[in-house]
Amino acid sequence: MEKEVDDLKSAIQFVKSRGYQTIGLYGHSLGSLICLKSYTSDIKTMVLSGALTNAMKYDWEQYFMKEQMKELKEKGYITIQRTGTWRHTIVVDKQMLRDFEDIRQPELLQRVTCPVLIIHGNNKKDEEELLLLERSQRGMQYLSKDSRLKVIDGATHSFLEHLELLKDLATRWYVNHMS
C-alpha cells in the first residue's frame, strides 16, 4: 500500500504545483485508507465510502482462486487480469494484504484534522460492510468534531444500487466544506 500512498501524495503535489490550493479527497474501500494515510494539512476535506478505518483480518482464500494463492506463495504477489477496463493487469503484493491487518485506528485517524464524511451501507447480507461500519463508528471519536458518519440504508459495500445518493452526499459535502 506504500506505493499507492506515494502515488496519491505525488498527485496532490502535482495539483498544488498547478496552483490549486483547495484540495478534497475521495476514497472508496482500500482507497479510503490510502486517502487517510496520505493526509497532510493541505487537504481541506475527505469523503470516504465503504471506509477502511481499522484493522480487518481477511481469509484471502475466499477472495482469490487457488492458482492465485499459489502465485502469492511462490512469487510474493498475485496478478489479476482484467478486460474491458483501462487497467488490464493488477498486481497485489503480499505486503498489501498484510497492511489490512496492520491498521492502528487511533494513530491513523487522530492525525487527520480536516472534516471527513464517512459513508457506509448497512445491508444485512453484507457482513464485510457491517464490520467496516462498526469500526468506523468506533473511530469517529478520533476525527475532527466537524466529521460525520452517514449510513445509507440497505446499501452494500459496492453502493451500486445507491450511487446517486452516494454522489449527492459527496457533492453536498464538498460544496459545504470546500467553499
Foldseek 3Di string as FASTA:
>chain_A
DVVLLVVVLVVVVVVVVVPDQAAEEEAADVGQLSPLVNDDPSYQEYEYELHLQAADQDPCCVVDPPVQVVCCVVPQWGWDADPPDPDGIDIGGNVNNVVSHVHDRLVSALVAAHAYEYEAEDAVVAVSRPVRLVVVVVNPVNYHPNYYYYYDYNAHSVCPVPVVVSVVVVVVVCVVRRD
